[in-house]
């Protein structure tokens, strides 16, 4: 299978200086190199490998979901673009699923956008002399309880709790402008553990009033059938927690990041090595007692078939759910624009990576000056259908990215020749997206 090379860009057609294959990012006091500090580059590579490996596992477990096409199928039949910028290499003209629950690659982009928006909201509220409190809600759970039923009862408890007279009276008394609720789930020795964290925007020094909600939450858990009075001591300790603004700021700061403990990965790198660079919606727990969904994926890769089945169960029941829920009128009170959907957030990130400043300013609704600050991407190589199928069948998407960063277009051509000599480890088939026809201008997938 001969590699096909085309559209190699050596200089900007408008006469501007080309970024070149190698882009310098040198910090003060450091020896000049292609990408600055080698430890940072190693962390980026390790994180990228992990995400692609986890995504490939999710695609195998969920072949009928959109994640199966993500960063695999193309948007048209024009091939896959291999691009490079000051931030590193990337792949263009590929579909994105926008699934925060199923896809570690899209989740990384979406959660970073959400984190920035949450931080902006806190900053605005604090500037108004307010305070943001972190309220965490959960319930006793057992290994024999299914995720579907737990989610149903938990959702019912949340709805009734927030519609209760006591909750509404306390929110009015503390001057609450609203809240942002984040939904999370882990799986451990006691089964599935859905829980929420609410950022409550209110006046300063209202913690004592919020703590009065503890008994109301526990009573609601008993009322909907998620607990009984024999579990009162456990619920008093763990079912309800509320903390002041310092803790809410810490939660937002780590939102979408993996902490530094637990989990040596398939690449023999600690997740924590890339802590400041990694943004995944699934935080990595400290012990086997609480595995996040992406940890289940990792364990499945390492041979745990039960973990794969649990990830499938999780995906089935979380599909379509919002990770963040803003209460009515809060965004208006903070003068924030309309919230983007997950797929819009993922697509906006992709647009910002591939478009020129004028296009970005139009689509993303920012100034052209702001758009110019975004990294320019330079087309280095185009992988035609046969070459892309070869890359997929050898599970070598990350190899392409690392190679173009180190050796440019010639390196990619040499890699394709080397891949042709390897045995296939995965299916190399993919689709491309078209619009129109009998589908009334809706996108549909066409097999090549």
Protein backbone atom coordinates (compact mmCIF):
# COMPACT_ATOMS: atom_id res chain seq x y z
CA UNK A 1 0.00 0.00 0.00
CA UNK A 2 1.83 3.06 -1.20
CA UNK A 3 1.40 6.24 0.80
CA UNK A 4 -0.07 9.13 -1.11
CA UNK A 5 1.22 12.61 -0.42
CA UNK A 6 -0.44 15.86 -1.49
CA UNK A 7 -1.04 19.48 -0.59
CA UNK A 8 2.18 19.95 1.36
CA UNK A 9 2.36 23.60 2.31
CA UNK A 10 5.80 25.18 2.49
CA UNK A 11 4.88 28.89 2.65
CA UNK A 12 1.90 31.14 3.00
CA UNK A 13 0.49 32.05 -0.45
CA UNK A 14 -0.03 35.64 0.70
CA UNK A 15 3.70 36.01 1.21
CA UNK A 16 3.70 35.91 5.01
CA UNK A 17 6.40 33.94 6.76
CA UNK A 18 5.44 30.30 7.12
CA UNK A 19 5.22 28.78 10.56
CA UNK A 20 7.35 25.96 9.22
CA UNK A 21 7.29 22.35 10.29
CA UNK A 22 8.94 23.16 13.60
CA UNK A 23 7.50 25.90 15.78
CA UNK A 24 9.52 27.42 18.60
CA UNK A 25 7.88 27.99 21.97
CA UNK A 26 10.81 29.06 24.12
CA UNK A 27 10.34 30.32 27.67
CA UNK A 28 12.74 32.63 29.47
CA UNK A 29 15.78 30.83 30.80
CA UNK A 30 15.18 27.69 28.74
CA UNK A 31 17.30 26.25 26.00
CA UNK A 32 15.61 26.78 22.61
CA UNK A 33 13.80 23.71 21.30
CA UNK A 34 10.94 22.83 19.01
CA UNK A 35 8.34 22.95 21.76
CA UNK A 36 10.00 24.45 24.80
CA UNK A 37 10.14 22.44 28.01
CA UNK A 38 10.49 18.73 27.19
CA UNK A 39 8.56 17.64 30.28
CA UNK A 40 5.54 19.63 29.15
CA UNK A 41 5.74 18.11 25.68
CA UNK A 42 6.00 14.60 27.12
CA UNK A 43 2.94 15.27 29.24
CA UNK A 44 0.98 16.47 26.20
CA UNK A 45 1.95 13.38 24.22
CA UNK A 46 1.07 11.03 27.08
CA UNK A 47 -2.30 12.69 27.60
CA UNK A 48 -3.08 12.60 23.88
CA UNK A 49 -2.22 8.88 23.65
CA UNK A 50 -4.46 8.13 26.61
CA UNK A 51 -7.41 10.00 25.13
CA UNK A 52 -7.11 8.34 21.74
CA UNK A 53 -6.79 4.90 23.35
CA UNK A 54 -9.81 5.49 25.55
CA UNK A 55 -11.82 6.83 22.63
CA UNK A 56 -10.93 3.80 20.48
CA UNK A 57 -12.14 1.52 23.28
CA UNK A 58 -15.40 3.48 23.53
CA UNK A 59 -15.89 3.18 19.76
CA UNK A 60 -15.60 -0.59 20.00
CA UNK A 61 -18.05 -0.78 22.89
CA UNK A 62 -20.55 1.68 21.34
CA UNK A 63 -20.52 1.04 17.57
CA UNK A 64 -24.00 2.55 17.04
CA UNK A 65 -23.29 5.82 18.81
CA UNK A 66 -21.86 9.06 17.39
CA UNK A 67 -18.59 8.47 19.23
CA UNK A 68 -17.92 5.62 16.77
CA UNK A 69 -17.41 8.28 14.05
CA UNK A 70 -15.57 10.83 16.19
CA UNK A 71 -12.07 11.70 14.90
CA UNK A 72 -12.45 8.70 12.59
CA UNK A 73 -14.98 9.47 9.85
CA UNK A 74 -14.46 12.47 7.58
CA UNK A 75 -16.76 15.40 6.90
CA UNK A 76 -16.40 14.84 3.16
CA UNK A 77 -14.41 12.72 0.72
CA UNK A 78 -11.44 15.13 0.51
CA UNK A 79 -9.16 13.30 2.90
CA UNK A 80 -7.83 13.99 6.39
CA UNK A 81 -5.77 17.11 6.95
CA UNK A 82 -2.64 16.90 9.08
CA UNK A 83 -2.03 20.37 10.51
CA UNK A 84 0.41 22.02 12.87
CA UNK A 85 0.47 25.19 14.96
CA UNK A 86 2.41 26.63 17.86
CA UNK A 87 0.31 24.38 20.13
CA UNK A 88 1.21 21.21 18.20
CA UNK A 89 -0.27 18.93 15.56
CA UNK A 90 -3.93 18.18 14.92
CA UNK A 91 -6.17 16.40 12.42
CA UNK A 92 -8.72 18.25 10.31
CA UNK A 93 -11.83 17.41 8.25
CA UNK A 94 -12.91 14.81 10.81
CA UNK A 95 -16.28 14.38 12.50
CA UNK A 96 -16.73 15.23 16.18
CA UNK A 97 -19.41 13.59 18.32
CA UNK A 98 -19.70 16.25 21.04
CA UNK A 99 -20.38 13.58 23.67
CA UNK A 100 -19.20 14.63 27.10
CA UNK A 101 -20.11 11.22 28.56
CA UNK A 102 -18.76 8.83 25.94
CA UNK A 103 -15.82 10.56 24.30
CA UNK A 104 -12.65 11.59 26.19
CA UNK A 105 -11.48 13.79 23.30
CA UNK A 106 -14.67 15.84 23.00
CA UNK A 107 -15.14 15.86 26.78
CA UNK A 108 -11.72 17.49 27.19
CA UNK A 109 -12.70 20.40 24.94
CA UNK A 110 -16.24 20.77 26.29
CA UNK A 111 -15.34 20.72 29.97
CA UNK A 112 -12.62 23.31 29.50
CA UNK A 113 -15.15 25.61 27.87
CA UNK A 114 -17.59 24.95 30.71
CA UNK A 115 -14.88 25.53 33.32
CA UNK A 116 -13.98 28.90 31.85
CA UNK A 117 -17.63 29.91 31.78
CA UNK A 118 -18.14 28.85 35.41
CA UNK A 119 -15.09 30.80 36.47
CA UNK A 120 -16.37 33.85 34.61
CA UNK A 121 -19.73 33.50 36.38
CA UNK A 122 -18.06 33.33 39.81
CA UNK A 123 -15.88 36.35 39.02
CA UNK A 124 -18.91 38.41 37.99
CA UNK A 125 -20.86 37.45 41.11
CA UNK A 126 -17.97 38.12 43.48
CA UNK A 127 -17.50 41.52 41.83
CA UNK A 128 -21.13 42.20 42.79
CA UNK A 129 -20.10 41.51 46.42
CA UNK A 130 -21.75 38.09 46.42
CA UNK A 131 -20.49 34.64 47.37
CA UNK A 132 -20.76 31.22 45.73
CA UNK A 133 -21.38 28.13 47.86
CA UNK A 134 -20.75 24.49 46.94
CA UNK A 135 -23.63 22.17 47.90
CA UNK A 136 -23.11 18.43 47.31
CA UNK A 137 -26.02 15.95 47.29
CA UNK A 138 -25.90 12.15 47.23
CA UNK A 139 -27.64 9.10 48.75
CA UNK A 140 -26.91 5.62 50.17
CA UNK A 141 -26.46 3.06 47.39
CA UNK A 142 -25.97 -0.69 47.13
CA UNK A 143 -24.24 -2.92 44.61
CA UNK A 144 -27.52 -4.61 43.63
CA UNK A 145 -29.14 -1.32 42.56
CA UNK A 146 -29.23 -0.60 38.83
CA UNK A 147 -28.08 2.74 37.45
CA UNK A 148 -31.35 3.39 35.61
CA UNK A 149 -33.50 3.10 38.73
CA UNK A 150 -31.02 5.05 40.87
CA UNK A 151 -30.98 7.92 38.38
CA UNK A 152 -34.77 7.97 38.19
CA UNK A 153 -35.21 8.11 41.99
CA UNK A 154 -32.35 10.58 42.43
CA UNK A 155 -33.81 12.90 39.78
CA UNK A 156 -37.20 12.68 41.49
CA UNK A 157 -35.64 13.54 44.85
CA UNK A 158 -33.77 16.54 43.38
CA UNK A 159 -36.89 17.89 41.70
CA UNK A 160 -39.06 17.61 44.81
CA UNK A 161 -36.31 18.96 47.09
CA UNK A 162 -35.81 22.09 44.98
CA UNK A 163 -39.56 22.62 44.64
CA UNK A 164 -40.11 22.34 48.39
CA UNK A 165 -41.26 25.36 50.37
CA UNK A 166 -38.27 25.21 52.72
CA UNK A 167 -35.76 25.22 49.84
CA UNK A 168 -37.46 28.15 48.12
CA UNK A 169 -37.76 30.11 51.36
CA UNK A 170 -34.07 29.64 52.20
CA UNK A 171 -33.00 30.56 48.67
CA UNK A 172 -35.03 33.76 48.98
CA UNK A 173 -33.63 34.48 52.44
CA UNK A 174 -29.99 34.14 51.33
CA UNK A 175 -30.59 36.31 48.26
CA UNK A 176 -29.85 33.54 45.77
CA UNK A 177 -29.71 34.51 42.10
CA UNK A 178 -29.74 30.80 41.16
CA UNK A 179 -27.41 27.84 40.93
CA UNK A 180 -25.43 25.68 38.52
CA UNK A 181 -25.75 21.94 39.06
CA UNK A 182 -23.11 19.46 37.90
CA UNK A 183 -24.00 15.78 37.54
CA UNK A 184 -21.33 13.14 38.20
CA UNK A 185 -21.22 9.36 38.67
CA UNK A 186 -18.74 6.76 39.87
CA UNK A 187 -18.88 2.98 40.35
CA UNK A 188 -17.40 1.21 43.36
CA UNK A 189 -17.87 -1.63 45.81
CA UNK A 190 -21.37 -0.34 46.60
CA UNK A 191 -22.38 -0.04 42.95
CA UNK A 192 -23.31 3.08 41.00
CA UNK A 193 -22.97 6.40 42.81
CA UNK A 194 -24.69 9.33 41.06
CA UNK A 195 -24.23 12.65 42.84
CA UNK A 196 -24.50 16.36 42.16
CA UNK A 197 -22.58 19.51 43.05
CA UNK A 198 -24.50 22.80 43.08
CA UNK A 199 -22.80 26.18 42.89
CA UNK A 200 -25.25 28.47 44.71
CA UNK A 201 -24.93 32.21 43.95
CA UNK A 202 -26.05 34.18 47.02
CA UNK A 203 -25.10 36.90 49.51
CA UNK A 204 -22.06 36.61 51.72
CA UNK A 205 -22.09 34.79 55.07
CA UNK A 206 -25.16 32.61 54.41
CA UNK A 207 -23.59 29.21 55.09
CA UNK A 208 -25.54 28.66 58.32
CA UNK A 209 -28.85 29.05 56.50
CA UNK A 210 -27.88 26.64 53.72
CA UNK A 211 -26.92 24.04 56.31
CA UNK A 212 -30.57 23.97 57.41
CA UNK A 213 -31.35 22.14 54.14
CA UNK A 214 -29.60 18.96 55.33
CA UNK A 215 -32.61 17.51 57.15
CA UNK A 216 -34.92 18.39 54.25
CA UNK A 217 -32.68 16.51 51.78
CA UNK A 218 -32.49 13.43 54.02
CA UNK A 219 -36.26 13.42 54.50
CA UNK A 220 -36.69 13.60 50.72
CA UNK A 221 -34.38 10.59 50.17
CA UNK A 222 -36.52 8.56 52.55
CA UNK A 223 -39.73 9.79 50.94
CA UNK A 224 -38.76 8.76 47.38
CA UNK A 225 -37.39 5.37 48.46
CA UNK A 226 -33.65 5.98 48.13
CA UNK A 227 -33.02 5.39 51.85
CA UNK A 228 -34.70 4.47 55.13
CA UNK A 229 -34.36 5.75 58.68
CA UNK A 230 -31.96 2.95 59.64
CA UNK A 231 -29.38 4.74 57.47
CA UNK A 232 -29.80 8.07 59.23
CA UNK A 233 -26.28 8.20 60.68
CA UNK A 234 -24.66 7.51 57.31
CA UNK A 235 -26.81 10.12 55.61
CA UNK A 236 -26.03 12.74 58.24
CA UNK A 237 -22.33 12.23 57.51
CA UNK A 238 -22.29 11.89 53.73
CA UNK A 239 -25.59 12.62 51.94
CA UNK A 240 -25.46 16.42 52.24
CA UNK A 241 -22.56 18.85 52.35
CA UNK A 242 -22.34 22.60 51.86
CA UNK A 243 -19.20 24.73 51.94
CA UNK A 244 -18.29 28.36 51.44
CA UNK A 245 -16.83 30.23 48.49
CA UNK A 246 -13.27 29.00 48.93
CA UNK A 247 -14.35 25.42 48.30
CA UNK A 248 -16.56 26.36 45.35
CA UNK A 249 -13.61 28.11 43.71
CA UNK A 250 -11.46 25.02 44.25
CA UNK A 251 -14.15 22.84 42.66
CA UNK A 252 -14.36 25.05 39.57
CA UNK A 253 -10.57 25.15 39.32
CA UNK A 254 -10.40 21.36 39.09
CA UNK A 255 -13.58 20.94 37.03
CA UNK A 256 -12.66 18.84 34.03
CA UNK A 257 -9.16 18.09 35.31
CA UNK A 258 -7.70 14.80 36.47
CA UNK A 259 -6.10 14.92 39.93
CA UNK A 260 -2.58 13.77 40.56
CA UNK A 261 -3.30 10.52 42.40
CA UNK A 262 -4.15 6.99 41.26
CA UNK A 263 -4.03 5.37 37.91
CA UNK A 264 -0.92 4.41 36.07
CA UNK A 265 -2.05 4.24 32.50
CA UNK A 266 -1.34 2.03 29.54
CA UNK A 267 1.46 4.40 28.51
CA UNK A 268 3.14 4.05 31.92
CA UNK A 269 2.56 7.74 32.58
CA UNK A 270 0.64 9.07 35.56
CA UNK A 271 -2.49 11.02 34.70
CA UNK A 272 -1.26 13.66 37.12
CA UNK A 273 1.79 14.39 34.97
CA UNK A 274 -0.47 16.37 32.67
CA UNK A 275 -2.74 17.76 35.35
CA UNK A 276 -2.59 21.35 34.17
CA UNK A 277 -2.93 20.31 30.53
CA UNK A 278 -5.57 17.61 30.80
CA UNK A 279 -9.26 18.37 30.72
CA UNK A 280 -11.56 15.39 30.89
CA UNK A 281 -15.01 15.40 32.41
CA UNK A 282 -14.12 12.19 34.29
CA UNK A 283 -11.98 12.88 37.32
CA UNK A 284 -9.74 9.98 38.29
CA UNK A 285 -10.58 8.59 41.72
CA UNK A 286 -8.07 7.68 44.37
CA UNK A 287 -9.08 4.03 44.78
CA UNK A 288 -11.03 1.19 43.22
CA UNK A 289 -13.95 2.11 45.49
CA UNK A 290 -14.93 4.87 43.07
CA UNK A 291 -14.09 4.46 39.39
CA UNK A 292 -15.24 7.18 37.00
CA UNK A 293 -16.59 6.15 33.56
CA UNK A 294 -13.29 6.82 31.79
CA UNK A 295 -11.49 4.78 34.45
CA UNK A 296 -13.84 1.93 33.55
CA UNK A 297 -12.72 2.35 29.94
CA UNK A 298 -9.09 2.21 30.98
CA UNK A 299 -9.66 -0.96 33.01
CA UNK A 300 -11.50 -2.51 30.05
CA UNK A 301 -8.44 -1.86 27.87
CA UNK A 302 -6.35 -3.63 30.49
CA UNK A 303 -8.57 -6.73 30.27
CA UNK A 304 -11.48 -6.12 32.65
CA UNK A 305 -14.51 -7.18 30.60
CA UNK A 306 -16.92 -6.31 33.41
CA UNK A 307 -15.64 -2.73 33.31
CA UNK A 308 -16.56 -2.59 29.62
CA UNK A 309 -20.09 -3.78 30.36
CA UNK A 310 -20.41 -1.15 33.09
CA UNK A 311 -19.30 1.57 30.66
CA UNK A 312 -21.98 0.41 28.21
CA UNK A 313 -24.60 0.57 30.98
CA UNK A 314 -23.43 4.04 31.96
CA UNK A 315 -23.50 5.26 28.33
CA UNK A 316 -27.00 3.93 27.78
CA UNK A 317 -28.51 5.77 30.73
CA UNK A 318 -26.47 9.00 30.61
CA UNK A 319 -26.86 9.61 26.89
CA UNK A 320 -28.58 12.95 26.32
CA UNK A 321 -28.26 14.15 29.91
CA UNK A 322 -26.86 17.59 30.69
CA UNK A 323 -23.70 17.60 32.76
CA UNK A 324 -24.34 21.19 33.83
CA UNK A 325 -27.77 22.66 34.51
CA UNK A 326 -28.16 26.42 35.00
CA UNK A 327 -31.22 27.54 36.96
CA UNK A 328 -33.64 29.85 35.22
CA UNK A 329 -32.60 33.53 35.00
CA UNK A 330 -29.10 33.00 36.47
CA UNK A 331 -27.36 33.65 33.16
CA UNK A 332 -29.48 36.78 32.72
CA UNK A 333 -28.54 37.98 36.22
CA UNK A 334 -24.87 37.53 35.34
CA UNK A 335 -25.27 39.02 31.83
CA UNK A 336 -23.94 35.84 30.23
CA UNK A 337 -24.87 34.86 26.64
CA UNK A 338 -27.10 31.92 25.80
CA UNK A 339 -25.55 28.60 26.78
CA UNK A 340 -24.04 26.47 24.00
CA UNK A 341 -24.91 22.80 23.71
CA UNK A 342 -22.18 20.18 24.10
CA UNK A 343 -21.94 19.63 20.35
CA UNK A 344 -21.80 23.40 19.75
CA UNK A 345 -19.02 23.68 22.33
CA UNK A 346 -17.01 20.91 20.65
CA UNK A 347 -17.60 22.33 17.17
CA UNK A 348 -16.64 25.84 18.33
CA UNK A 349 -13.34 24.47 19.61
CA UNK A 350 -12.75 22.80 16.24
CA UNK A 351 -13.65 26.00 14.35
CA UNK A 352 -11.28 28.01 16.49
CA UNK A 353 -8.49 25.62 15.57
CA UNK A 354 -9.04 25.56 11.82
CA UNK A 355 -10.55 28.89 10.68
CA UNK A 356 -8.91 32.20 9.94
CA UNK A 357 -9.55 35.20 12.18
CA UNK A 358 -12.43 36.66 10.13
CA UNK A 359 -14.26 33.32 10.03
CA UNK A 360 -13.79 32.78 13.75
CA UNK A 361 -15.00 36.29 14.59
CA UNK A 362 -18.18 35.66 12.56
CA UNK A 363 -18.98 32.16 13.80
CA UNK A 364 -17.86 32.33 17.42
CA UNK A 365 -19.02 35.93 17.96
CA UNK A 366 -15.76 37.35 19.25
CA UNK A 367 -13.75 40.29 17.98
CA UNK A 368 -11.31 39.77 15.15
CA UNK A 369 -8.52 40.95 17.47
CA UNK A 370 -9.37 38.11 19.87
CA UNK A 371 -9.54 35.70 16.97
CA UNK A 372 -6.09 36.71 15.78
CA UNK A 373 -4.70 35.60 19.15
CA UNK A 374 -5.83 32.03 18.47
CA UNK A 375 -3.15 29.68 17.11
CA UNK A 376 -2.79 29.56 13.33
CA UNK A 377 -2.71 26.07 11.89
CA UNK A 378 -0.59 25.17 8.89
CA UNK A 379 -1.51 22.36 6.49
CA UNK A 380 1.37 19.89 6.28
CA UNK A 381 -0.10 16.76 4.73
CA UNK A 382 -3.35 15.28 3.39
CA UNK A 383 -4.11 11.62 4.11
CA UNK A 384 -6.22 10.30 1.26
CA UNK A 385 -8.77 7.53 1.78
CA UNK A 386 -6.33 4.62 1.42
CA UNK A 387 -3.76 6.18 3.74
CA UNK A 388 -6.34 7.11 6.40
CA UNK A 389 -7.73 3.57 6.36
CA UNK A 390 -4.16 2.32 6.89
CA UNK A 391 -3.70 4.64 9.88
CA UNK A 392 -6.98 3.50 11.43
CA UNK A 393 -6.29 -0.21 10.92
CA UNK A 394 -2.95 0.17 12.73
CA UNK A 395 -4.49 2.38 15.46
CA UNK A 396 -1.88 5.01 14.61
CA UNK A 397 -3.67 8.37 14.82
CA UNK A 398 -1.37 9.51 17.63
CA UNK A 399 1.67 8.25 15.73
CA UNK A 400 0.76 10.59 12.88
CA UNK A 401 0.49 13.59 15.19
CA UNK A 402 3.74 12.88 17.00
CA UNK A 403 5.56 12.20 13.74
CA UNK A 404 4.51 15.42 12.03
CA UNK A 405 5.65 17.39 15.08
CA UNK A 406 9.05 15.77 15.01
CA UNK A 407 9.74 15.20 11.31
CA UNK A 408 7.14 17.04 9.24
CA UNK A 409 5.68 15.82 5.94
CA UNK A 410 8.62 13.55 5.11
CA UNK A 411 8.22 11.88 8.49
CA UNK A 412 4.52 11.20 7.85
CA UNK A 413 5.32 9.68 4.44
CA UNK A 414 7.94 7.42 6.05
CA UNK A 415 5.48 6.46 8.81
CA UNK A 416 2.87 5.39 6.25
CA UNK A 417 5.42 3.15 4.54
CA UNK A 418 6.31 1.64 7.92
CA UNK A 419 2.63 1.14 8.86
CA UNK A 420 2.01 -0.78 5.63
CA UNK A 421 4.46 -3.40 6.89
CA UNK A 422 2.64 -3.88 10.20
CA UNK A 423 -0.20 -6.29 10.87
CA UNK A 424 -3.64 -4.72 11.17
CA UNK A 425 -4.93 -4.51 14.75
CA UNK A 426 -8.25 -2.74 14.13
CA UNK A 427 -10.83 -2.22 11.42
CA UNK A 428 -9.75 0.40 8.93
CA UNK A 429 -13.18 1.23 7.53
CA UNK A 430 -14.69 4.68 7.95
CA UNK A 431 -17.40 6.88 6.47
CA UNK A 432 -17.75 10.40 5.21
CA UNK A 433 -20.60 12.80 5.84
CA UNK A 434 -22.91 14.15 3.18
CA UNK A 435 -26.01 16.33 3.21
CA UNK A 436 -29.23 16.42 1.25
CA UNK A 437 -31.03 13.94 -0.96
CA UNK A 438 -33.82 11.92 0.58
CA UNK A 439 -32.57 12.99 3.99
CA UNK A 440 -33.79 16.55 3.45
CA UNK A 441 -30.43 18.21 4.01
CA UNK A 442 -29.75 16.30 7.21
CA UNK A 443 -26.27 14.77 7.51
CA UNK A 444 -25.89 11.08 6.83
CA UNK A 445 -22.92 8.74 6.59
CA UNK A 446 -21.68 7.23 3.35
CA UNK A 447 -19.34 4.25 3.43
CA UNK A 448 -16.23 4.52 1.27
